[in-house]
Protein backbone atom coordinates (compact mmCIF):
# COMPACT_ATOMS: atom_id res chain seq x y z
CA MET A 1 -81.44 230.47 -27.62
CA PRO A 2 -84.88 231.20 -26.11
CA ARG A 3 -84.88 234.00 -23.52
CA PHE A 4 -87.34 234.66 -20.72
CA PHE A 5 -87.53 237.37 -18.06
CA VAL A 6 -88.45 236.70 -14.43
CA ASN A 7 -88.80 238.69 -11.25
CA PRO A 8 -85.53 238.44 -9.26
CA ALA A 9 -87.60 237.14 -6.33
CA ALA A 10 -88.27 233.99 -8.40
CA ILE A 11 -84.59 233.03 -8.22
CA CYS A 12 -83.69 230.79 -5.29
CA GLY A 13 -80.25 229.23 -5.36
CA ASP A 14 -79.88 227.08 -8.44
CA HIS A 15 -83.60 226.95 -9.18
CA ILE A 16 -85.88 229.58 -10.71
CA SER A 17 -89.66 229.52 -10.37
CA LEU A 18 -91.39 229.97 -13.72
CA ASP A 19 -94.77 231.65 -14.08
CA THR A 20 -97.64 230.11 -16.01
CA GLU A 21 -97.08 232.21 -19.14
CA THR A 22 -93.38 231.33 -19.34
CA LEU A 23 -94.07 227.63 -18.82
CA SER A 24 -96.71 227.73 -21.52
CA HIS A 25 -94.27 229.38 -23.92
CA ILE A 26 -91.61 226.77 -23.15
CA ARG A 27 -94.09 223.98 -23.91
CA VAL A 28 -95.11 225.64 -27.17
CA LEU A 29 -91.41 225.65 -28.14
CA ARG A 30 -91.27 221.94 -27.23
CA LEU A 31 -87.99 222.32 -25.37
CA SER A 32 -86.64 219.00 -24.16
CA PRO A 33 -85.37 218.70 -20.54
CA LYS A 34 -81.76 218.87 -21.78
CA GLU A 35 -82.16 221.90 -24.04
CA MET A 36 -80.70 225.15 -22.78
CA PHE A 37 -82.60 228.41 -22.48
CA ILE A 38 -81.80 231.72 -20.82
CA VAL A 39 -83.64 233.27 -17.91
CA CYS A 40 -82.83 236.91 -17.24
CA ASP A 41 -83.49 238.70 -13.96
CA GLY A 42 -84.02 242.06 -15.68
CA ASN A 43 -81.00 243.48 -13.87
CA GLY A 44 -78.37 242.39 -16.36
CA GLN A 45 -77.74 238.82 -15.19
CA ASP A 46 -78.31 235.86 -17.53
CA TYR A 47 -78.95 232.36 -16.19
CA ARG A 48 -78.41 229.45 -18.58
CA CYS A 49 -80.94 226.83 -17.56
CA THR A 50 -82.58 223.54 -18.34
CA LEU A 51 -86.16 222.62 -17.52
CA GLU A 52 -86.71 220.60 -14.37
CA GLY A 53 -90.41 220.01 -13.80
CA ASP A 54 -92.03 223.43 -13.53
CA THR A 55 -88.79 225.19 -12.61
CA ALA A 56 -85.60 226.21 -14.35
CA LYS A 57 -82.42 224.50 -13.18
CA VAL A 58 -79.49 226.95 -13.29
CA VAL A 59 -76.46 225.62 -15.14
CA SER A 60 -74.36 228.80 -15.29
CA ILE A 61 -74.61 232.54 -14.61
CA SER A 62 -73.06 235.37 -16.59
CA ALA A 63 -73.42 239.11 -17.04
CA ASN A 64 -75.50 240.12 -20.02
CA GLU A 65 -73.34 241.63 -22.77
CA ALA A 66 -76.06 243.27 -24.86
CA GLU A 67 -76.70 246.31 -22.63
CA PRO A 68 -75.09 249.58 -23.84
CA LYS A 69 -72.83 251.38 -21.39
CA THR A 70 -74.46 254.70 -22.22
CA ARG A 71 -78.01 255.17 -20.94
CA CYS A 72 -80.17 256.40 -23.78
CA ILE A 73 -83.75 257.67 -23.46
CA VAL A 74 -85.80 257.80 -26.63
CA ALA A 75 -88.59 260.37 -26.30
CA LEU A 76 -91.35 259.96 -28.89
CA ALA A 77 -94.36 262.11 -29.69
CA TYR A 78 -97.49 260.02 -30.14
CA THR A 79 -97.96 258.70 -33.66
CA ARG A 80 -100.63 256.55 -35.26
CA GLY A 81 -101.09 252.82 -34.70
CA GLU A 82 -98.36 250.64 -36.14
CA ARG A 83 -95.96 253.58 -36.45
CA MET A 84 -95.77 253.87 -32.67
CA ASP A 85 -95.42 250.10 -32.29
CA TYR A 86 -92.59 250.02 -34.82
CA ALA A 87 -90.70 252.93 -33.24
CA ILE A 88 -90.88 251.36 -29.77
CA GLN A 89 -89.89 247.90 -30.99
CA LYS A 90 -86.87 249.08 -32.97
CA SER A 91 -85.73 251.48 -30.25
CA VAL A 92 -85.62 248.60 -27.78
CA GLU A 93 -83.77 246.37 -30.26
CA LEU A 94 -81.18 249.11 -30.81
CA GLY A 95 -80.49 249.57 -27.10
CA ALA A 96 -82.76 252.27 -25.68
CA ALA A 97 -82.77 252.23 -21.88
CA GLU A 98 -86.20 253.86 -21.65
CA ILE A 99 -88.98 254.95 -24.00
CA HIS A 100 -90.72 258.19 -23.07
CA LEU A 101 -93.97 259.10 -24.84
CA PHE A 102 -95.60 262.50 -24.92
CA PRO A 103 -98.30 264.59 -26.64
CA ALA A 104 -97.34 267.40 -29.03
CA GLU A 105 -99.46 270.03 -30.73
CA ARG A 106 -99.36 268.35 -34.13
CA CYS A 107 -99.97 264.80 -32.93
CA VAL A 108 -102.62 263.14 -35.07
CA VAL A 109 -103.77 260.91 -32.20
CA LYS A 110 -104.76 261.91 -28.68
CA TYR A 111 -105.11 259.69 -25.62
CA ASP A 112 -107.24 260.28 -22.55
CA ASP A 113 -107.19 258.71 -19.09
CA LYS A 114 -109.43 255.90 -20.34
CA SER A 115 -107.60 254.92 -23.53
CA LEU A 116 -103.98 255.51 -22.49
CA PRO A 117 -103.62 252.66 -19.93
CA LYS A 118 -104.65 250.08 -22.53
CA LYS A 119 -102.20 251.49 -25.06
CA LEU A 120 -99.44 251.65 -22.47
CA ALA A 121 -99.95 247.98 -21.60
CA ARG A 122 -99.63 247.12 -25.30
CA TRP A 123 -96.44 249.16 -25.69
CA GLU A 124 -94.92 247.57 -22.58
CA LYS A 125 -95.64 244.15 -24.09
CA ILE A 126 -93.95 245.21 -27.34
CA ALA A 127 -90.90 246.40 -25.37
CA LEU A 128 -90.76 243.08 -23.48
CA GLU A 129 -90.91 240.97 -26.63
CA ALA A 130 -88.31 243.16 -28.35
CA ALA A 131 -86.02 242.82 -25.32
CA LYS A 132 -86.33 239.04 -25.50
CA GLN A 133 -85.72 238.91 -29.24
CA SER A 134 -82.65 241.15 -29.15
CA GLY A 135 -80.98 239.48 -26.16
CA ARG A 136 -81.32 242.44 -23.80
CA GLY A 137 -80.50 242.10 -20.13
CA ARG A 138 -83.12 244.63 -19.07
CA ILE A 139 -86.65 245.47 -20.12
CA PRO A 140 -86.79 249.15 -21.07
CA ALA A 141 -89.49 251.06 -19.23
CA VAL A 142 -92.20 252.72 -21.30
CA VAL A 143 -93.20 256.01 -19.67
CA ALA A 144 -96.14 258.20 -20.71
CA HIS A 145 -95.86 261.91 -19.90
CA SER A 146 -98.95 264.04 -19.37
CA ASP A 147 -97.71 266.97 -21.46
CA PHE A 148 -94.92 268.19 -23.72
CA LYS A 149 -93.17 270.29 -21.07
CA ALA A 150 -92.95 267.42 -18.59
CA ALA A 151 -91.33 265.19 -21.22
CA MET A 152 -88.81 267.89 -22.15
CA GLN A 153 -87.92 268.51 -18.51
CA GLU A 154 -87.20 264.81 -18.08
CA ALA A 155 -85.16 264.64 -21.29
CA ALA A 156 -83.12 267.63 -20.17
CA GLN A 157 -81.89 265.70 -17.12
CA THR A 158 -79.55 263.60 -19.28
CA ASP A 159 -75.94 264.61 -20.00
CA LEU A 160 -76.65 265.19 -23.69
CA ALA A 161 -80.25 266.11 -24.54
CA LEU A 162 -80.76 266.06 -28.31
CA PHE A 163 -83.87 267.52 -29.94
CA PHE A 164 -84.31 266.42 -33.54
CA TYR A 165 -85.82 269.22 -35.62
CA GLU A 166 -86.24 269.21 -39.39
CA ASN A 167 -85.60 272.96 -39.68
CA GLU A 168 -82.26 272.86 -37.87
CA THR A 169 -79.54 273.67 -40.41
CA ASP A 170 -76.44 274.48 -38.36
CA ARG A 171 -75.91 271.41 -36.20
CA THR A 172 -75.92 267.77 -37.32
CA LEU A 173 -76.04 264.73 -35.09
CA ARG A 174 -72.36 264.05 -35.80
CA MET A 175 -71.41 267.60 -34.83
CA ALA A 176 -73.36 267.37 -31.58
CA LEU A 177 -71.69 264.09 -30.66
CA ASP A 178 -68.22 265.35 -31.59
CA ASN A 179 -68.70 268.43 -29.41
CA ALA A 180 -69.96 266.51 -26.38
CA GLN A 181 -67.34 266.26 -23.63
CA GLY A 182 -68.08 262.68 -22.69
CA PHE A 183 -71.53 261.64 -21.54
CA ALA A 184 -72.99 258.75 -19.58
CA SER A 185 -76.56 259.43 -20.62
CA THR A 186 -78.37 260.96 -23.56
CA SER A 187 -81.92 261.61 -24.71
CA LEU A 188 -83.22 261.66 -28.28
CA THR A 189 -86.46 263.58 -28.74
CA ILE A 190 -88.48 262.92 -31.89
CA GLY A 191 -91.59 264.78 -33.04
CA PRO A 192 -94.94 263.65 -34.50
CA GLU A 193 -95.97 263.28 -38.15
CA GLY A 194 -96.43 267.04 -38.54
CA GLY A 195 -93.21 267.99 -36.77
CA PHE A 196 -92.73 270.37 -33.84
CA THR A 197 -94.21 273.87 -33.72
CA SER A 198 -91.95 276.89 -33.29
CA ASP A 199 -93.28 277.37 -29.73
CA GLU A 200 -92.37 273.79 -28.84
CA VAL A 201 -88.87 274.29 -30.20
CA LYS A 202 -88.44 277.46 -28.16
CA LEU A 203 -89.60 275.72 -24.99
CA ALA A 204 -87.31 272.73 -25.56
CA VAL A 205 -84.31 275.01 -26.10
CA ALA A 206 -85.19 277.08 -23.02
CA LEU A 207 -85.20 273.86 -20.97
CA GLY A 208 -81.74 272.91 -22.20
CA LEU A 209 -82.31 270.62 -25.17
CA LEU A 210 -80.00 270.89 -28.16
CA PRO A 211 -81.62 271.11 -31.64
CA VAL A 212 -79.96 268.80 -34.17
CA SER A 213 -80.54 267.65 -37.73
CA LEU A 214 -80.60 264.12 -39.15
CA GLY A 215 -79.77 265.41 -42.61
CA LYS A 216 -81.42 267.03 -45.62
CA ARG A 217 -84.09 264.38 -46.09
CA ILE A 218 -87.29 264.49 -44.04
CA LEU A 219 -87.78 261.16 -42.26
CA ARG A 220 -91.08 259.68 -41.18
CA ALA A 221 -91.91 259.82 -37.48
CA GLU A 222 -91.24 256.10 -37.04
CA THR A 223 -88.01 256.17 -39.08
CA ALA A 224 -86.36 259.11 -37.33
CA PRO A 225 -85.86 257.44 -33.91
CA VAL A 226 -84.38 254.35 -35.57
CA ALA A 227 -81.92 256.45 -37.61
CA ALA A 228 -81.03 258.67 -34.64
CA LEU A 229 -80.50 255.84 -32.16
CA ALA A 230 -78.55 253.71 -34.66
CA GLY A 231 -76.32 256.71 -35.36
CA VAL A 232 -75.65 257.32 -31.67
CA MET A 233 -74.96 253.66 -30.94
CA PHE A 234 -72.62 253.38 -33.93
CA TYR A 235 -70.75 256.50 -32.82
CA LEU A 236 -70.35 255.05 -29.31
CA GLY A 237 -69.17 251.67 -30.60
CA GLU A 238 -72.32 250.03 -29.27
């Protein structure tokens, strides 16, 4: 069933105002006046609607069931082009609550104050479309951090801050999850194509992040977040 997001302010009683872009999309889909579609307020409420002129007529309201109970931040070092797009898209589909982006020493790409806003707008659009496609009740925020330390400090604020490092040999993801004493939030930090430097690892550990391994095979930068997040969600029954 088609899904659209609106600002909660657009909801008034049993009618929802639809913006120009949403109306255009509905017309492209050629939805008849009797066909159902879902409008989501971005706060976890789904409204089953039919089209009535330029507004949505609310038929029923229910809580969205696709949002994980555990809040999960996926922190990604900048990677090239489609790799970044793919990692963001799949992280949203798998249930990430937020996507945090940051520069690392071995990042192949760099963004300045001029280029970053345009990229950020693109990534936010990718997150929105992925949220629609996967039936999410919220649109995950895409946050760009100015430096590595700032991103690690934010990641460390979660109950279980995991730092995926290819040279970690003592602690696997499963071990870290088994040893956690219950957690309502977690962060998964993934490095760039060239991996983290030893200084970055030391800083992350000093700030409270826990180094973990995804196994003996080295995964690509865009594959690692998908594997990590899928593993966490499976473990949590999500």
